[in-house]
Amino acid sequence: MEQVDCIIAGAGVIGLAIARGMAAQGLDTLILEATDAIGTETSSRNSEVIHAGIYYPEGSLKARLCVAGRDMIYRYAAERSIPHRRCGKLIVATGAAQEPVLAAIRANAIACGVGDLRFLSSAEAQALESALHCTKALLSPSTGIIDSHALMLTLLGDAEESGAMLSLNTRIVSGRIEAGQIVLQTTDTATGEGFEIATSRFVNAAGLGAVALAGSLEGFDRRFLPTLRYAKGNYFSVACRAPFLRLVYPVPEPGGLGVHLTLDLGGTARFGPDVEWTEVLDYRVDPARGERFYTAIRKYWPELADGALQPAYSGIRPKLSGPDEANSDFVIQGAATHGVAGLVNLFGIESPGLTSSLAIAEHVTRILAPQKR
């Protein structure tokens, strides 16, 4: 039976960042990806926003890893010439009743270490974005956008340069915990061929499949399996060029951050995501959902024309909280929690996972390779 120092399940942005970190410590690292390409699910079906770290509870993993990861990803993108832009974001109140929410957002951001938010009057906000309607706004200069696929390709390149290997079309069917190691049963999804491989360090970064994968490990205590819920987010775009240079977010709504306006690096505007709770992985976008977007968008962009929205894409967030529940934190579960040496499970890695990816990788590397650092 073949054995490697470290196996990463999942070649999304989190798995690739962790593989880069582990391989850089001199560990023989193998990335197993069930599909035929890297980053085909949550990592490439999002807003591609570099978040500042504004909304998360003080002291939470999301707050700490987002703020740290934001700075790391800006440095990494600049050093490696990954396309990105620190465009800034406006969080807007569109009525007097929402204005106190902006003050609460700023206070929380300061508590989390984000001290650069600035209040703007309606006139000041419109001086920056003439098409914007709001009564008051917060300017977040640390928010930006990045080419997520270019980021993942660069992370993979770094990992491979340090000796890591990527195996596509490789699904982990089951596993067992025995004699201080984790033995995995895998299947080649193209040929149906199965093989067994063992490791002393296993990182479960399977995203939407992470809970099921942990549950398939014989010897893993099921008490440590959270309940996973799928929150589908639909995005719509406009055929014309939207008259905005910055991202625009309304005040948050239950389950998400509202129907916000984000930009890609070419300047194309995208609106979303909404929150559609589902039990299946179906990425089709129902054009009829776009009708609900118009009212929300016109609160801050009144000139949005009828018929301007068209379906773009959707993503599904692996959430550990459900409807009408407070948003859950990241769960990075190591031996200190579940008692299995060498196993780290990553559960509920939704937004701001992309922003936090390098900080998450550093955190996991500290857990699994402390003697190498």
Protein backbone atom coordinates (compact mmCIF):
# COMPACT_ATOMS: atom_id res chain seq x y z
CA MET A 1 0.00 0.00 0.00
CA GLU A 2 1.35 3.39 -1.01
CA GLN A 3 1.93 5.97 1.71
CA VAL A 4 2.47 9.75 1.58
CA ASP A 5 3.15 12.33 4.29
CA CYS A 6 0.04 14.39 3.65
CA ILE A 7 -3.18 14.04 1.63
CA ILE A 8 -5.49 16.95 0.88
CA ALA A 9 -9.06 16.15 -0.16
CA GLY A 10 -10.33 18.87 -2.49
CA ALA A 11 -8.58 21.09 -5.03
CA GLY A 12 -10.53 24.25 -4.35
CA VAL A 13 -8.79 27.42 -3.20
CA ILE A 14 -8.58 26.16 0.41
CA GLY A 15 -7.17 22.75 -0.48
CA LEU A 16 -4.65 24.24 -2.89
CA ALA A 17 -3.50 26.86 -0.37
CA ILE A 18 -3.05 24.18 2.29
CA ALA A 19 -1.18 21.92 -0.15
CA ARG A 20 1.14 24.82 -0.93
CA GLY A 21 1.79 25.34 2.79
CA MET A 22 2.35 21.67 3.60
CA ALA A 23 4.59 21.01 0.61
CA ALA A 24 6.65 24.07 1.49
CA GLN A 25 7.42 22.36 4.82
CA GLY A 26 9.06 19.49 2.93
CA LEU A 27 6.14 17.09 3.29
CA ASP A 28 5.30 14.69 0.48
CA THR A 29 1.85 16.07 -0.37
CA LEU A 30 -0.90 14.64 -2.58
CA ILE A 31 -4.07 16.53 -3.58
CA LEU A 32 -7.07 14.35 -4.43
CA GLU A 33 -9.82 15.98 -6.49
CA ALA A 34 -13.00 14.13 -7.46
CA THR A 35 -13.71 16.21 -10.58
CA ASP A 36 -11.65 16.74 -13.73
CA ALA A 37 -10.41 20.25 -12.86
CA ILE A 38 -9.46 22.43 -9.90
CA GLY A 39 -11.89 24.80 -8.23
CA THR A 40 -15.10 23.77 -9.98
CA GLU A 41 -17.51 24.35 -7.08
CA THR A 42 -17.59 26.99 -4.34
CA SER A 43 -14.15 28.41 -5.18
CA SER A 44 -15.18 29.52 -8.67
CA ARG A 45 -18.86 30.23 -8.03
CA ASN A 46 -18.70 33.34 -5.89
CA SER A 47 -18.26 37.10 -6.14
CA GLU A 48 -14.43 36.94 -6.25
CA VAL A 49 -14.36 39.64 -3.59
CA ILE A 50 -11.42 40.25 -1.27
CA HIS A 51 -13.34 41.04 1.91
CA ALA A 52 -12.09 43.55 4.45
CA GLY A 53 -13.37 41.59 7.49
CA ILE A 54 -16.25 43.84 8.50
CA TYR A 55 -19.27 41.75 9.41
CA TYR A 56 -18.06 38.78 11.46
CA PRO A 57 -18.33 38.41 15.24
CA GLU A 58 -15.32 39.72 17.13
CA GLY A 59 -12.86 36.93 17.93
CA SER A 60 -14.45 34.45 15.53
CA LEU A 61 -12.34 32.43 13.10
CA LYS A 62 -14.05 34.25 10.25
CA ALA A 63 -13.07 37.64 11.66
CA ARG A 64 -9.48 36.72 12.52
CA LEU A 65 -8.70 34.71 9.40
CA CYS A 66 -10.39 37.19 7.07
CA VAL A 67 -8.39 40.17 8.33
CA ALA A 68 -5.14 38.21 8.26
CA GLY A 69 -5.97 36.56 4.96
CA ARG A 70 -6.90 39.85 3.31
CA ASP A 71 -3.44 41.28 3.88
CA MET A 72 -1.79 38.01 2.86
CA ILE A 73 -3.76 37.72 -0.37
CA TYR A 74 -3.05 41.31 -1.41
CA ARG A 75 0.68 40.72 -0.86
CA TYR A 76 0.59 37.37 -2.65
CA ALA A 77 -1.35 38.74 -5.60
CA ALA A 78 1.06 41.67 -5.97
CA GLU A 79 4.16 39.46 -5.68
CA ARG A 80 2.86 36.88 -8.16
CA SER A 81 1.15 39.29 -10.60
CA ILE A 82 -2.29 37.74 -10.02
CA PRO A 83 -4.94 40.06 -11.52
CA HIS A 84 -6.68 41.96 -8.73
CA ARG A 85 -7.86 45.45 -7.86
CA ARG A 86 -8.36 47.23 -4.53
CA CYS A 87 -11.49 48.96 -5.80
CA GLY A 88 -13.22 49.66 -2.48
CA LYS A 89 -16.80 49.11 -1.42
CA LEU A 90 -19.74 51.25 -0.36
CA ILE A 91 -22.17 49.84 2.21
CA VAL A 92 -25.32 51.88 1.79
CA ALA A 93 -28.37 52.83 3.78
CA THR A 94 -31.28 53.68 1.52
CA GLY A 95 -33.52 55.05 4.26
CA ALA A 96 -33.20 56.66 7.68
CA ALA A 97 -34.21 53.44 9.43
CA GLN A 98 -31.10 51.69 8.08
CA GLU A 99 -28.60 54.35 9.11
CA PRO A 100 -28.11 53.03 12.68
CA VAL A 101 -27.16 49.68 11.14
CA LEU A 102 -24.19 51.37 9.43
CA ALA A 103 -22.95 52.62 12.81
CA ALA A 104 -23.24 49.11 14.24
CA ILE A 105 -21.35 47.69 11.25
CA ARG A 106 -18.53 50.19 11.73
CA ALA A 107 -18.31 49.48 15.46
CA ASN A 108 -18.08 45.74 14.79
CA ALA A 109 -15.45 46.29 12.10
CA ILE A 110 -13.30 48.30 14.50
CA ALA A 111 -13.61 45.55 17.11
CA CYS A 112 -12.37 43.07 14.48
CA GLY A 113 -9.35 45.22 13.57
CA VAL A 114 -10.77 46.97 10.51
CA GLY A 115 -10.27 50.63 11.32
CA ASP A 116 -10.41 52.26 7.90
CA LEU A 117 -14.20 52.48 7.36
CA ARG A 118 -15.41 56.03 6.81
CA PHE A 119 -18.91 57.47 7.01
CA LEU A 120 -20.10 59.32 3.92
CA SER A 121 -23.08 61.57 3.52
CA SER A 122 -25.41 61.04 0.60
CA ALA A 123 -23.67 63.82 -1.31
CA GLU A 124 -20.19 62.43 -0.59
CA ALA A 125 -21.22 58.96 -1.73
CA GLN A 126 -22.77 60.34 -4.91
CA ALA A 127 -19.61 62.32 -5.59
CA LEU A 128 -17.84 58.94 -5.81
CA GLU A 129 -20.66 57.11 -7.62
CA SER A 130 -23.02 59.50 -9.38
CA ALA A 131 -25.64 56.82 -10.17
CA LEU A 132 -25.92 55.74 -6.54
CA HIS A 133 -28.90 56.49 -4.33
CA CYS A 134 -28.41 56.37 -0.56
CA THR A 135 -29.04 58.44 2.54
CA LYS A 136 -25.69 57.53 4.12
CA ALA A 137 -22.86 55.13 3.36
CA LEU A 138 -19.72 53.49 4.71
CA LEU A 139 -16.65 53.45 2.49
CA SER A 140 -14.43 50.35 2.84
CA PRO A 141 -11.18 51.10 1.00
CA SER A 142 -9.68 47.67 1.84
CA THR A 143 -12.25 45.69 -0.15
CA GLY A 144 -11.19 44.45 -3.57
CA ILE A 145 -11.64 41.85 -6.29
CA ILE A 146 -9.39 39.10 -7.61
CA ASP A 147 -9.26 36.58 -10.45
CA SER A 148 -10.02 33.47 -8.41
CA HIS A 149 -8.95 31.02 -11.12
CA ALA A 150 -5.61 32.75 -11.61
CA LEU A 151 -5.15 32.61 -7.83
CA MET A 152 -5.84 28.87 -7.77
CA LEU A 153 -3.50 28.18 -10.70
CA THR A 154 -0.74 30.09 -8.92
CA LEU A 155 -1.30 28.23 -5.66
CA LEU A 156 -1.19 24.92 -7.53
CA GLY A 157 1.99 25.95 -9.32
CA ASP A 158 3.65 26.85 -6.01
CA ALA A 159 2.55 23.58 -4.44
CA GLU A 160 3.85 21.53 -7.38
CA GLU A 161 7.12 23.44 -7.38
CA SER A 162 7.56 22.28 -3.77
CA GLY A 163 6.87 18.69 -4.81
CA ALA A 164 3.10 18.35 -4.32
CA MET A 165 1.13 16.22 -6.76
CA LEU A 166 -2.46 16.64 -8.01
CA SER A 167 -4.64 13.65 -8.86
CA LEU A 168 -7.84 14.63 -10.70
CA ASN A 169 -10.88 12.37 -11.17
CA THR A 170 -10.02 10.72 -7.85
CA ARG A 171 -12.93 10.26 -5.49
CA ILE A 172 -12.44 9.17 -1.89
CA VAL A 173 -15.04 6.47 -1.34
CA SER A 174 -14.29 5.69 2.29
CA GLY A 175 -11.48 5.43 4.79
CA ARG A 176 -10.46 4.03 8.12
CA ILE A 177 -8.44 5.29 11.05
CA GLU A 178 -5.93 2.71 12.23
CA ALA A 179 -2.52 2.45 13.87
CA GLY A 180 -1.81 6.18 13.86
CA GLN A 181 -2.65 6.69 10.21
CA ILE A 182 -5.61 7.22 7.90
CA VAL A 183 -6.14 4.75 5.08
CA LEU A 184 -8.24 5.95 2.16
CA GLN A 185 -10.11 3.93 -0.43
CA THR A 186 -10.30 5.87 -3.70
CA THR A 187 -11.81 5.40 -7.14
CA ASP A 188 -10.70 6.77 -10.49
CA THR A 189 -13.95 8.31 -11.75
CA ALA A 190 -12.84 7.96 -15.38
CA THR A 191 -11.84 4.27 -15.31
CA GLY A 192 -13.53 2.90 -12.19
CA GLU A 193 -10.20 1.60 -10.92
CA GLY A 194 -9.79 1.60 -7.16
CA PHE A 195 -6.70 1.96 -5.04
CA GLU A 196 -5.76 2.33 -1.38
CA ILE A 197 -3.40 4.93 0.04
CA ALA A 198 -2.33 5.79 3.59
CA THR A 199 -1.16 8.98 5.25
CA SER A 200 -0.28 10.31 8.67
CA ARG A 201 -1.80 13.72 7.85
CA PHE A 202 -5.18 14.07 6.17
CA VAL A 203 -6.85 17.41 5.45
CA ASN A 204 -10.55 17.21 4.60
CA ALA A 205 -11.05 20.34 2.47
CA ALA A 206 -13.84 18.84 0.39
CA GLY A 207 -16.17 21.82 0.77
CA LEU A 208 -19.73 20.77 0.00
CA GLY A 209 -18.69 17.14 0.51
CA ALA A 210 -16.62 17.60 3.66
CA VAL A 211 -19.22 16.40 6.18
CA ALA A 212 -20.04 13.29 4.12
CA LEU A 213 -16.34 12.54 3.70
CA ALA A 214 -15.64 12.77 7.43
CA GLY A 215 -18.65 10.54 8.04
CA SER A 216 -17.22 7.89 5.72
CA LEU A 217 -14.10 7.46 7.87
CA GLU A 218 -14.38 4.29 9.96
CA GLY A 219 -13.31 5.12 13.50
CA PHE A 220 -14.35 8.78 13.37
CA ASP A 221 -16.74 9.75 16.16
CA ARG A 222 -19.99 10.88 14.52
CA ARG A 223 -20.63 13.30 17.38
CA PHE A 224 -18.23 15.68 15.67
CA LEU A 225 -20.17 15.80 12.39
CA PRO A 226 -22.11 19.06 12.03
CA THR A 227 -25.32 19.37 10.04
CA LEU A 228 -24.58 20.81 6.62
CA ARG A 229 -27.07 22.94 4.71
CA TYR A 230 -26.90 24.16 1.14
CA ALA A 231 -27.56 27.86 0.53
CA LYS A 232 -27.73 28.52 -3.18
CA GLY A 233 -26.86 32.01 -4.34
CA ASN A 234 -28.00 33.15 -7.77
CA TYR A 235 -26.23 35.89 -9.69
CA PHE A 236 -27.53 38.10 -12.47
CA SER A 237 -25.62 40.45 -14.75
CA VAL A 238 -26.45 43.38 -17.01
CA ALA A 239 -25.61 43.52 -20.70
CA CYS A 240 -24.72 47.21 -20.50
CA ARG A 241 -21.80 48.59 -18.54
CA ALA A 242 -23.00 49.61 -15.10
CA PRO A 243 -21.95 53.15 -14.06
CA PHE A 244 -20.01 52.08 -10.94
CA LEU A 245 -16.31 51.85 -10.09
CA ARG A 246 -16.78 50.37 -6.63
CA LEU A 247 -18.72 47.50 -5.14
CA VAL A 248 -22.07 48.43 -3.61
CA TYR A 249 -23.60 46.48 -0.74
CA PRO A 250 -26.91 47.16 0.99
CA VAL A 251 -27.10 46.59 4.72
CA PRO A 252 -27.03 42.83 5.48
CA GLU A 253 -30.10 40.62 5.43
CA PRO A 254 -30.73 37.27 7.20
CA GLY A 255 -28.58 34.51 5.63
CA GLY A 256 -26.43 36.82 3.54
CA LEU A 257 -25.27 40.30 2.69
CA GLY A 258 -28.19 41.24 0.46
CA VAL A 259 -28.31 41.62 -3.31
CA HIS A 260 -25.09 43.47 -3.84
CA LEU A 261 -23.31 44.83 -6.86
CA THR A 262 -19.87 43.43 -7.55
CA LEU A 263 -17.57 43.95 -10.49
CA ASP A 264 -15.25 41.64 -12.33
CA LEU A 265 -11.82 42.82 -13.43
CA GLY A 266 -13.26 43.77 -16.83
CA GLY A 267 -15.80 46.08 -15.20
CA THR A 268 -18.87 43.91 -15.78
CA ALA A 269 -21.44 44.26 -13.00
CA ARG A 270 -22.90 41.23 -11.27
CA PHE A 271 -25.77 41.26 -8.80
CA GLY A 272 -26.30 38.75 -6.04
CA PRO A 273 -26.24 36.39 -4.42
CA ASP A 274 -29.72 35.86 -3.12
CA VAL A 275 -30.40 33.06 -0.62
CA GLU A 276 -32.20 29.97 -1.90
CA TRP A 277 -32.14 27.04 0.52
CA THR A 278 -31.87 23.74 -1.33
CA GLU A 279 -31.04 20.08 -0.78
CA VAL A 280 -29.53 19.36 -4.19
CA LEU A 281 -26.46 20.54 -6.09
CA ASP A 282 -28.24 22.21 -8.99
CA TYR A 283 -26.48 25.23 -10.47
CA ARG A 284 -29.16 26.24 -12.94
CA VAL A 285 -30.39 29.81 -12.51
CA ASP A 286 -34.13 30.32 -12.81
CA PRO A 287 -34.60 33.51 -14.89
CA ALA A 288 -37.79 34.24 -12.95
CA ARG A 289 -35.76 34.89 -9.79
CA GLY A 290 -34.36 37.98 -11.47
CA GLU A 291 -37.71 39.71 -11.04
CA ARG A 292 -37.10 39.81 -7.29
CA PHE A 293 -33.75 41.47 -7.84
CA TYR A 294 -35.11 44.62 -9.47
CA THR A 295 -36.76 46.01 -6.34
CA ALA A 296 -33.68 45.37 -4.20
CA ILE A 297 -31.23 46.84 -6.71
CA ARG A 298 -33.34 49.91 -7.49
CA LYS A 299 -33.15 50.95 -3.86
CA TYR A 300 -29.53 51.94 -4.53
CA TRP A 301 -29.52 52.12 -8.36
CA PRO A 302 -32.89 53.62 -9.31
CA GLU A 303 -32.00 53.87 -13.01
CA LEU A 304 -31.75 50.11 -13.56
CA ALA A 305 -33.81 49.56 -16.71
CA ASP A 306 -36.59 47.02 -17.08
CA GLY A 307 -35.37 43.82 -18.69
CA ALA A 308 -31.70 44.64 -18.04
CA LEU A 309 -30.95 41.64 -15.83
CA GLN A 310 -29.93 38.30 -17.29
CA PRO A 311 -29.01 35.03 -15.53
CA ALA A 312 -25.26 34.74 -14.95
CA TYR A 313 -24.35 31.80 -12.67
CA SER A 314 -24.97 30.38 -9.22
CA GLY A 315 -22.96 29.02 -6.33
CA ILE A 316 -23.82 26.89 -3.32
CA ARG A 317 -22.50 27.76 0.12
CA PRO A 318 -21.75 24.94 2.61
CA LYS A 319 -23.49 26.46 5.61
CA LEU A 320 -23.61 25.11 9.16
CA SER A 321 -26.56 27.33 10.04
CA GLY A 322 -30.03 27.29 8.56
CA PRO A 323 -32.85 29.73 7.85
CA ASP A 324 -33.52 32.20 10.66
CA GLU A 325 -30.35 31.12 12.48
CA ALA A 326 -27.31 33.27 13.17
CA ASN A 327 -24.49 32.68 10.68
CA SER A 328 -22.12 30.01 11.95
CA ASP A 329 -18.36 30.32 12.17
CA PHE A 330 -15.76 28.35 10.24
CA VAL A 331 -15.06 24.99 11.84
CA ILE A 332 -11.42 23.86 11.62
CA GLN A 333 -11.46 20.63 13.55
CA GLY A 334 -8.23 18.98 14.62
CA ALA A 335 -7.17 16.29 17.06
CA ALA A 336 -7.67 18.63 20.02
CA THR A 337 -11.40 18.41 19.24
CA HIS A 338 -12.04 14.93 17.81
CA GLY A 339 -9.01 13.02 19.11
CA VAL A 340 -7.73 11.66 15.78
CA ALA A 341 -4.06 12.51 15.32
CA GLY A 342 -3.21 13.92 11.91
CA LEU A 343 -6.80 14.63 10.82
CA VAL A 344 -8.10 18.14 10.14
CA ASN A 345 -11.68 18.66 8.96
CA LEU A 346 -12.74 21.98 7.47
CA PHE A 347 -16.49 22.45 7.74
CA GLY A 348 -18.65 25.38 6.66
CA ILE A 349 -15.92 27.18 4.73
CA GLU A 350 -18.09 29.68 2.91
CA SER A 351 -17.50 33.44 2.54
CA PRO A 352 -14.96 34.80 3.43
CA GLY A 353 -13.16 31.56 2.55
CA LEU A 354 -11.52 32.91 -0.60
CA THR A 355 -10.14 35.93 1.25
CA SER A 356 -9.08 33.77 4.20
CA SER A 357 -7.49 30.98 2.15
CA LEU A 358 -3.83 31.75 2.87
CA ALA A 359 -4.51 32.38 6.55
CA ILE A 360 -6.50 29.14 6.81
CA ALA A 361 -3.59 27.32 5.17
CA GLU A 362 -1.16 28.79 7.67
CA HIS A 363 -3.46 27.78 10.54
CA VAL A 364 -3.78 24.18 9.30
CA THR A 365 -0.05 23.91 8.66
CA ARG A 366 0.63 24.95 12.25
CA ILE A 367 -1.64 22.14 13.42
CA LEU A 368 -0.21 19.37 11.24
CA ALA A 369 3.41 20.36 10.77
CA PRO A 370 4.47 22.32 13.87
CA GLN A 371 7.85 20.63 13.98
CA LYS A 372 8.55 21.71 10.41
CA ARG A 373 8.07 25.42 10.98
